[in-house]
C-alpha atoms as a PDB file:
ATOM      1  CA  MET A   1     164.198 129.521 115.463  1.00  0.00           C
ATOM      2  CA  THR A   2     163.930 126.692 117.937  1.00  0.00           C
ATOM      3  CA  LYS A   3     160.368 125.704 118.756  1.00  0.00           C
ATOM      4  CA  HIS A   4     159.571 125.186 122.417  1.00  0.00           C
ATOM      5  CA  LYS A   5     157.311 122.584 123.946  1.00  0.00           C
ATOM      6  CA  THR A   6     155.243 124.330 126.639  1.00  0.00           C
ATOM      7  CA  VAL A   7     153.292 122.658 129.428  1.00  0.00           C
ATOM      8  CA  GLY A   8     151.142 124.515 131.921  1.00  0.00           C
ATOM      9  CA  LEU A   9     150.039 122.982 135.215  1.00  0.00           C
ATOM     10  CA  THR A  10     148.743 123.572 138.701  1.00  0.00           C
ATOM     11  CA  VAL A  11     148.966 121.371 141.765  1.00  0.00           C
ATOM     12  CA  LEU A  12     145.317 120.319 141.334  1.00  0.00           C
ATOM     13  CA  SER A  13     145.050 120.440 137.549  1.00  0.00           C
ATOM     14  CA  MET A  14     147.875 119.593 135.192  1.00  0.00           C
ATOM     15  CA  THR A  15     147.482 119.948 131.450  1.00  0.00           C
ATOM     16  CA  GLY A  16     149.727 119.662 128.408  1.00  0.00           C
ATOM     17  CA  LEU A  17     149.817 121.347 125.015  1.00  0.00           C
ATOM     18  CA  TRP A  18     148.629 119.033 122.250  1.00  0.00           C
ATOM     19  CA  LEU A  19     149.761 119.468 118.675  1.00  0.00           C
ATOM     20  CA  ALA A  20     147.186 118.163 116.239  1.00  0.00           C
ATOM     21  CA  SER A  21     146.753 118.574 112.513  1.00  0.00           C
ATOM     22  CA  PRO A  22     143.595 120.495 111.555  1.00  0.00           C
ATOM     23  CA  ARG A  23     142.739 117.940 108.902  1.00  0.00           C
ATOM     24  CA  ALA A  24     143.126 114.257 108.290  1.00  0.00           C
ATOM     25  CA  GLN A  25     146.384 112.993 106.855  1.00  0.00           C
ATOM     26  CA  GLU A  26     146.685 110.295 104.266  1.00  0.00           C
ATOM     27  CA  LEU A  27     149.334 108.528 106.290  1.00  0.00           C
ATOM     28  CA  PRO A  28     150.176 108.919 110.013  1.00  0.00           C
ATOM     29  CA  ILE A  29     153.456 110.720 110.650  1.00  0.00           C
ATOM     30  CA  GLY A  30     156.074 109.482 113.076  1.00  0.00           C
ATOM     31  CA  GLY A  31     156.033 110.931 116.558  1.00  0.00           C
ATOM     32  CA  LEU A  32     154.695 110.623 120.062  1.00  0.00           C
ATOM     33  CA  TYR A  33     150.913 110.476 120.437  1.00  0.00           C
ATOM     34  CA  GLN A  34     148.784 110.749 123.578  1.00  0.00           C
ATOM     35  CA  ILE A  35     145.799 108.383 123.792  1.00  0.00           C
ATOM     36  CA  ILE A  36     142.486 110.182 124.298  1.00  0.00           C
ATOM     37  CA  SER A  37     139.913 107.391 123.840  1.00  0.00           C
ATOM     38  CA  GLY A  38     139.360 103.764 122.876  1.00  0.00           C
ATOM     39  CA  THR A  39     139.003 100.367 124.493  1.00  0.00           C
ATOM     40  CA  TYR A  40     141.293  97.476 125.361  1.00  0.00           C
ATOM     41  CA  ALA A  41     139.892  93.973 125.946  1.00  0.00           C
ATOM     42  CA  GLU A  42     141.302  90.632 127.085  1.00  0.00           C
ATOM     43  CA  CYS A  43     139.306  87.569 126.148  1.00  0.00           C
ATOM     44  CA  CYS A  44     138.139  85.294 127.408  1.00  0.00           C
ATOM     45  CA  GLY A  45     138.786  82.866 130.266  1.00  0.00           C
ATOM     46  CA  VAL A  46     136.181  81.600 132.703  1.00  0.00           C
ATOM     47  CA  ALA A  47     135.286  85.105 133.893  1.00  0.00           C
ATOM     48  CA  GLY A  48     134.623  86.312 130.361  1.00  0.00           C
ATOM     49  CA  PRO A  49     136.151  89.308 128.569  1.00  0.00           C
ATOM     50  CA  PHE A  50     137.736  92.136 130.545  1.00  0.00           C
ATOM     51  CA  ILE A  51     137.171  95.519 128.853  1.00  0.00           C
ATOM     52  CA  ASN A  52     138.993  98.701 129.892  1.00  0.00           C
ATOM     53  CA  SER A  53     138.531 102.239 128.629  1.00  0.00           C
ATOM     54  CA  LEU A  54     141.640 104.083 127.498  1.00  0.00           C
ATOM     55  CA  PRO A  55     143.742 105.930 128.431  1.00  0.00           C
ATOM     56  CA  GLU A  56     144.945 104.277 131.624  1.00  0.00           C
ATOM     57  CA  THR A  57     148.203 104.414 133.556  1.00  0.00           C
ATOM     58  CA  ASN A  58     149.938 101.652 131.592  1.00  0.00           C
ATOM     59  CA  GLN A  59     148.476 102.720 128.216  1.00  0.00           C
ATOM     60  CA  THR A  60     148.849 106.489 127.881  1.00  0.00           C
ATOM     61  CA  TYR A  61     151.039 107.131 124.819  1.00  0.00           C
ATOM     62  CA  VAL A  62     151.864 105.627 121.429  1.00  0.00           C
ATOM     63  CA  GLN A  63     155.324 105.995 119.919  1.00  0.00           C
ATOM     64  CA  LEU A  64     155.167 105.639 116.141  1.00  0.00           C
ATOM     65  CA  THR A  65     158.208 105.597 113.848  1.00  0.00           C
ATOM     66  CA  VAL A  66     157.594 105.802 110.090  1.00  0.00           C
ATOM     67  CA  ASP A  67     160.124 105.485 107.277  1.00  0.00           C
ATOM     68  CA  SER A  68     158.136 105.747 104.057  1.00  0.00           C
ATOM     69  CA  GLN A  69     161.193 105.446 101.835  1.00  0.00           C
ATOM     70  CA  GLU A  70     162.202 102.146 103.384  1.00  0.00           C
ATOM     71  CA  ASN A  71     158.566 101.027 103.683  1.00  0.00           C
ATOM     72  CA  HIS A  72     159.035 100.346 107.377  1.00  0.00           C
ATOM     73  CA  ALA A  73     157.306 101.388 110.594  1.00  0.00           C
ATOM     74  CA  GLN A  74     157.473 100.588 114.297  1.00  0.00           C
ATOM     75  CA  MET A  75     154.880 101.166 117.020  1.00  0.00           C
ATOM     76  CA  ALA A  76     154.933 100.878 120.808  1.00  0.00           C
ATOM     77  CA  ILE A  77     152.161 101.453 123.347  1.00  0.00           C
ATOM     78  CA  LEU A  78     153.697 103.231 126.332  1.00  0.00           C
ATOM     79  CA  GLY A  79     152.717 103.856 129.927  1.00  0.00           C
ATOM     80  CA  GLU A  80     152.379 107.179 131.685  1.00  0.00           C
ATOM     81  CA  ASP A  81     156.141 107.299 132.349  1.00  0.00           C
ATOM     82  CA  LEU A  82     156.778 107.536 128.574  1.00  0.00           C
ATOM     83  CA  ARG A  83     159.209 104.639 128.481  1.00  0.00           C
ATOM     84  CA  THR A  84     157.542 101.441 129.736  1.00  0.00           C
ATOM     85  CA  VAL A  85     156.135  99.386 126.875  1.00  0.00           C
ATOM     86  CA  PHE A  86     152.732  97.946 127.756  1.00  0.00           C
ATOM     87  CA  SER A  87     152.711  94.182 128.187  1.00  0.00           C
ATOM     88  CA  THR A  88     150.279  91.641 129.571  1.00  0.00           C
ATOM     89  CA  SER A  89     150.750  88.307 131.275  1.00  0.00           C
ATOM     90  CA  PRO A  90     148.076  85.990 132.685  1.00  0.00           C
ATOM     91  CA  GLY A  91     150.418  84.913 135.468  1.00  0.00           C
ATOM     92  CA  VAL A  92     151.859  81.884 133.689  1.00  0.00           C
ATOM     93  CA  PRO A  93     155.698  81.850 133.827  1.00  0.00           C
ATOM     94  CA  GLY A  94     157.301  82.771 130.523  1.00  0.00           C
ATOM     95  CA  THR A  95     154.061  83.962 128.905  1.00  0.00           C
ATOM     96  CA  VAL A  96     154.164  87.683 128.202  1.00  0.00           C
ATOM     97  CA  PHE A  97     152.790  89.595 125.229  1.00  0.00           C
ATOM     98  CA  THR A  98     154.501  92.942 124.677  1.00  0.00           C
ATOM     99  CA  PHE A  99     152.867  95.628 122.534  1.00  0.00           C
ATOM    100  CA  LEU A 100     155.991  96.636 120.632  1.00  0.00           C
ATOM    101  CA  PHE A 101     155.517  95.996 116.913  1.00  0.00           C
ATOM    102  CA  THR A 102     158.821  96.283 115.070  1.00  0.00           C
ATOM    103  CA  ILE A 103     157.733  95.150 111.609  1.00  0.00           C
ATOM    104  CA  GLY A 104     155.222  97.446 109.961  1.00  0.00           C
ATOM    105  CA  MET A 105     154.381  97.744 106.268  1.00  0.00           C
ATOM    106  CA  VAL A 106     153.719 101.301 105.042  1.00  0.00           C
ATOM    107  CA  PHE A 107     150.876 101.737 102.540  1.00  0.00           C
ATOM    108  CA  SER A 108     149.480 104.901 100.984  1.00  0.00           C
ATOM    109  CA  ASP A 109     146.779 105.413 103.618  1.00  0.00           C
ATOM    110  CA  HIS A 110     147.667 103.157 106.566  1.00  0.00           C
ATOM    111  CA  ILE A 111     150.341 101.102 108.289  1.00  0.00           C
ATOM    112  CA  GLN A 112     149.913  97.362 108.813  1.00  0.00           C
ATOM    113  CA  PHE A 113     151.614  95.445 111.620  1.00  0.00           C
ATOM    114  CA  GLN A 114     151.388  91.676 111.186  1.00  0.00           C
ATOM    115  CA  SER A 115     153.246  88.737 112.654  1.00  0.00           C
ATOM    116  CA  GLU A 116     155.611  86.706 110.531  1.00  0.00           C
ATOM    117  CA  ILE A 117     155.105  83.032 109.709  1.00  0.00           C
ATOM    118  CA  GLN A 118     154.698  81.231 113.006  1.00  0.00           C
ATOM    119  CA  VAL A 119     156.867  78.411 114.334  1.00  0.00           C
ATOM    120  CA  PRO A 120     155.759  75.810 116.897  1.00  0.00           C
ATOM    121  CA  GLU A 121     157.812  77.437 119.663  1.00  0.00           C
ATOM    122  CA  ASN A 122     156.007  80.770 119.264  1.00  0.00           C
ATOM    123  CA  GLN A 123     152.308  80.820 118.431  1.00  0.00           C
ATOM    124  CA  GLN A 124     151.850  84.502 119.245  1.00  0.00           C
ATOM    125  CA  SER A 125     150.321  86.470 116.392  1.00  0.00           C
ATOM    126  CA  TRP A 126     148.948  89.955 115.799  1.00  0.00           C
ATOM    127  CA  ASN A 127     147.267  92.121 113.190  1.00  0.00           C
ATOM    128  CA  TYR A 128     147.191  95.871 113.896  1.00  0.00           C
ATOM    129  CA  THR A 129     146.375  98.857 111.694  1.00  0.00           C
ATOM    130  CA  ALA A 130     147.407 102.482 112.250  1.00  0.00           C
ATOM    131  CA  SER A 131     145.727 105.171 110.182  1.00  0.00           C
ATOM    132  CA  SER A 132     144.722 108.844 110.269  1.00  0.00           C
ATOM    133  CA  ALA A 133     141.295 110.079 111.303  1.00  0.00           C
ATOM    134  CA  ALA A 134     140.691 113.855 111.212  1.00  0.00           C
ATOM    135  CA  GLY A 135     144.280 114.528 112.233  1.00  0.00           C
ATOM    136  CA  LEU A 136     144.305 111.863 114.936  1.00  0.00           C
ATOM    137  CA  LEU A 137     146.054 108.497 115.006  1.00  0.00           C
ATOM    138  CA  ARG A 138     143.580 105.611 114.930  1.00  0.00           C
ATOM    139  CA  ILE A 139     144.620 102.112 116.023  1.00  0.00           C
ATOM    140  CA  ASN A 140     142.683  98.868 115.710  1.00  0.00           C
ATOM    141  CA  GLY A 141     144.011  95.375 116.140  1.00  0.00           C
ATOM    142  CA  VAL A 142     143.942  91.929 117.699  1.00  0.00           C
ATOM    143  CA  ALA A 143     146.777  89.893 119.191  1.00  0.00           C
ATOM    144  CA  SER A 144     146.620  86.291 120.373  1.00  0.00           C
ATOM    145  CA  ALA A 145     148.768  83.804 122.253  1.00  0.00           C
ATOM    146  CA  PRO A 146     146.997  80.429 122.082  1.00  0.00           C
ATOM    147  CA  ILE A 147     150.108  78.661 123.330  1.00  0.00           C
ATOM    148  CA  TRP A 148     148.848  79.368 126.836  1.00  0.00           C
ATOM    149  CA  GLY A 149     146.103  76.833 126.105  1.00  0.00           C
ATOM    150  CA  SER A 150     143.955  77.056 129.231  1.00  0.00           C
ATOM    151  CA  ALA A 151     140.224  77.717 129.428  1.00  0.00           C
ATOM    152  CA  ASP A 152     140.590  80.137 132.353  1.00  0.00           C
ATOM    153  CA  ILE A 153     143.420  82.241 130.870  1.00  0.00           C
ATOM    154  CA  PRO A 154     142.839  85.101 128.400  1.00  0.00           C
ATOM    155  CA  GLU A 155     144.559  84.469 125.088  1.00  0.00           C
ATOM    156  CA  GLU A 156     143.186  87.223 122.863  1.00  0.00           C
ATOM    157  CA  PHE A 157     143.917  90.947 123.245  1.00  0.00           C
ATOM    158  CA  GLN A 158     142.148  93.639 121.271  1.00  0.00           C
ATOM    159  CA  HIS A 159     142.396  97.413 120.838  1.00  0.00           C
ATOM    160  CA  THR A 160     139.289  99.003 119.319  1.00  0.00           C
ATOM    161  CA  ASN A 161     139.006 102.544 117.916  1.00  0.00           C
ATOM    162  CA  VAL A 162     141.958 103.850 119.902  1.00  0.00           C
ATOM    163  CA  LEU A 163     142.403 107.542 119.070  1.00  0.00           C
ATOM    164  CA  ALA A 164     145.565 109.465 119.931  1.00  0.00           C
ATOM    165  CA  VAL A 165     146.599 113.074 119.369  1.00  0.00           C
ATOM    166  CA  LEU A 166     150.062 114.069 118.169  1.00  0.00           C
ATOM    167  CA  VAL A 167     152.104 115.510 121.029  1.00  0.00           C
ATOM    168  CA  SER A 168     155.448 115.838 119.281  1.00  0.00           C
ATOM    169  CA  THR A 169     157.146 114.729 116.087  1.00  0.00           C
ATOM    170  CA  ASP A 170     160.330 112.661 116.257  1.00  0.00           C
ATOM    171  CA  SER A 171     162.403 115.815 115.811  1.00  0.00           C
ATOM    172  CA  LYS A 172     161.177 117.570 118.986  1.00  0.00           C
ATOM    173  CA  PRO A 173     161.649 116.864 122.687  1.00  0.00           C
ATOM    174  CA  THR A 174     158.477 115.953 124.545  1.00  0.00           C
ATOM    175  CA  ILE A 175     157.314 116.561 128.101  1.00  0.00           C
ATOM    176  CA  GLY A 176     155.256 113.720 129.512  1.00  0.00           C
ATOM    177  CA  ARG A 177     152.166 114.104 131.676  1.00  0.00           C
ATOM    178  CA  PRO A 178     153.122 115.990 134.881  1.00  0.00           C
ATOM    179  CA  ARG A 179     152.426 114.167 138.137  1.00  0.00           C
ATOM    180  CA  LEU A 180     153.028 114.560 141.877  1.00  0.00           C
ATOM    181  CA  ALA A 181     156.004 112.748 143.377  1.00  0.00           C
ATOM    182  CA  ALA A 182     155.827 111.093 146.793  1.00  0.00           C
ATOM    183  CA  ASN A 183     157.503 114.150 148.343  1.00  0.00           C
ATOM    184  CA  GLY A 184     154.822 116.466 146.915  1.00  0.00           C
ATOM    185  CA  VAL A 185     156.840 118.101 144.128  1.00  0.00           C
ATOM    186  CA  ILE A 186     155.926 118.157 140.439  1.00  0.00           C
ATOM    187  CA  GLN A 187     157.744 115.587 138.331  1.00  0.00           C
ATOM    188  CA  PHE A 188     157.675 114.622 134.666  1.00  0.00           C
ATOM    189  CA  THR A 189     159.699 112.842 132.013  1.00  0.00           C
ATOM    190  CA  VAL A 190     161.343 114.550 129.040  1.00  0.00           C
ATOM    191  CA  ILE A 191     162.019 112.340 126.027  1.00  0.00           C
ATOM    192  CA  ASP A 192     164.067 113.098 122.905  1.00  0.00           C
ATOM    193  CA  ARG A 193     164.797 110.387 120.348  1.00  0.00           C
ATOM    194  CA  ARG A 194     167.898 112.243 119.149  1.00  0.00           C
ATOM    195  CA  GLY A 195     170.640 110.983 121.451  1.00  0.00           C
ATOM    196  CA  GLY A 196     173.504 113.321 122.307  1.00  0.00           C
ATOM    197  CA  LYS A 197     171.395 116.492 122.257  1.00  0.00           C
ATOM    198  CA  THR A 198     171.627 119.111 125.017  1.00  0.00           C
ATOM    199  CA  ASN A 199     168.204 119.805 126.479  1.00  0.00           C
ATOM    200  CA  VAL A 200     167.079 122.826 128.506  1.00  0.00           C
ATOM    201  CA  ILE A 201     164.050 122.856 130.844  1.00  0.00           C
ATOM    202  CA  GLU A 202     162.554 126.262 131.594  1.00  0.00           C
ATOM    203  CA  ALA A 203     159.869 127.284 134.110  1.00  0.00           C
ATOM    204  CA  SER A 204     157.546 130.258 134.438  1.00  0.00           C
ATOM    205  CA  ASP A 205     154.815 131.470 136.786  1.00  0.00           C
ATOM    206  CA  ASP A 206     153.075 133.651 134.185  1.00  0.00           C
ATOM    207  CA  MET A 207     154.163 132.276 130.745  1.00  0.00           C
ATOM    208  CA  VAL A 208     155.865 135.634 130.099  1.00  0.00           C
ATOM    209  CA  THR A 209     159.134 135.387 132.001  1.00  0.00           C
ATOM    210  CA  TRP A 210     160.968 132.088 131.601  1.00  0.00           C
ATOM    211  CA  THR A 211     163.937 130.839 133.632  1.00  0.00           C
ATOM    212  CA  ALA A 212     166.206 127.914 132.787  1.00  0.00           C
ATOM    213  CA  ILE A 213     166.107 125.519 135.738  1.00  0.00           C
ATOM    214  CA  ARG A 214     167.989 122.519 134.354  1.00  0.00           C
ATOM    215  CA  THR A 215     170.269 121.599 131.449  1.00  0.00           C
ATOM    216  CA  ASN A 216     170.711 117.963 130.462  1.00  0.00           C
ATOM    217  CA  VAL A 217     172.490 115.913 127.839  1.00  0.00           C
ATOM    218  CA  PHE A 218     170.548 113.010 126.366  1.00  0.00           C
ATOM    219  CA  SER A 219     172.778 109.961 126.199  1.00  0.00           C
ATOM    220  CA  ALA A 220     172.893 108.201 122.847  1.00  0.00           C
ATOM    221  CA  THR A 221     171.017 104.896 122.936  1.00  0.00           C
ATOM    222  CA  THR A 222     169.460 102.303 120.654  1.00  0.00           C
ATOM    223  CA  CYS A 223     166.391 101.976 122.890  1.00  0.00           C
ATOM    224  CA  PRO A 224     163.307 102.548 120.675  1.00  0.00           C
ATOM    225  CA  ILE A 225     161.610 104.812 123.238  1.00  0.00           C
ATOM    226  CA  CYS A 226     164.672 106.477 124.778  1.00  0.00           C
ATOM    227  CA  PRO A 227     166.582 108.524 125.713  1.00  0.00           C
ATOM    228  CA  PHE A 228     164.711 110.208 128.523  1.00  0.00           C
ATOM    229  CA  ILE A 229     165.261 112.408 131.571  1.00  0.00           C
ATOM    230  CA  ASP A 230     163.243 112.208 134.789  1.00  0.00           C
ATOM    231  CA  PHE A 231     162.850 115.666 136.307  1.00  0.00           C
ATOM    232  CA  GLN A 232     161.583 116.958 139.666  1.00  0.00           C
ATOM    233  CA  ASP A 233     161.055 120.626 140.507  1.00  0.00           C
ATOM    234  CA  PRO A 234     161.577 121.298 144.261  1.00  0.00           C
ATOM    235  CA  ALA A 235     160.303 124.884 143.844  1.00  0.00           C
ATOM    236  CA  SER A 236     156.849 123.669 142.762  1.00  0.00           C
ATOM    237  CA  THR A 237     155.752 122.891 146.343  1.00  0.00           C
ATOM    238  CA  ASN A 238     155.504 126.611 147.165  1.00  0.00           C
ATOM    239  CA  LEU A 239     153.579 127.684 144.037  1.00  0.00           C
ATOM    240  CA  THR A 240     149.923 127.482 143.072  1.00  0.00           C
ATOM    241  CA  ARG A 241     150.684 127.553 139.350  1.00  0.00           C
ATOM    242  CA  ARG A 242     153.743 126.559 137.349  1.00  0.00           C
ATOM    243  CA  PHE A 243     154.450 126.238 133.621  1.00  0.00           C
ATOM    244  CA  TYR A 244     157.258 124.300 131.942  1.00  0.00           C
ATOM    245  CA  ARG A 245     158.781 124.055 128.492  1.00  0.00           C
ATOM    246  CA  SER A 246     161.644 122.086 127.037  1.00  0.00           C
ATOM    247  CA  PHE A 247     163.826 122.521 123.964  1.00  0.00           C
ATOM    248  CA  SER A 248     167.030 121.104 122.548  1.00  0.00           C
ATOM    249  CA  LEU A 249     169.959 123.256 121.569  1.00  0.00           C
ATOM    250  CA  PRO A 250     171.066 123.157 117.905  1.00  0.00           C
END
């Protein structure tokens, strides 16, 4: 039986169904996680450290891929649109740090993301850990880019006690956080890492009767956080409550 991903929402309050393990796992599983708490800091510059509470618009999700057999993992911090990898730049041309870690070592109880041996042309470095905490994904780490070399420019970036709940495993399509489009209709992004799959979006006013409102085919891609479909529901402007779910055909 195909499992459906169901999201209920109203015009004023939009919520999603979270899938979380009832107990801690020894090793985080691959999938899409939604950030629920934590802090992000940039240090230091003349103005001192800038500290932000998470989640925020450009840091809403974490996409984690784990291959225990190959001892390899990959992690990306994504924005609210489910596909933009978070990056930071102090405004200096050519200086951008992107939070996409493609080389992760898988241990029995955690995943370690560390930079390789540095070369003079690239002094960026990072040390991040992903682990399980009571069924949640916990992330801690520090990244630095001292090549910027200016007293008034932040060169150290730190995530502290970032907790994220599992929204979907890699084998299931995921509906991103619903939001209002400029024209007043409900819009959201559907993501499915399995390219070539046919996806169906259904809607309901009472969670009893469901109607298919769009069928899509995910294009095959090598993008680490794709493929995706942006969806808008014109009928949502005339309703006070609307629920959505998405599933892929076998």
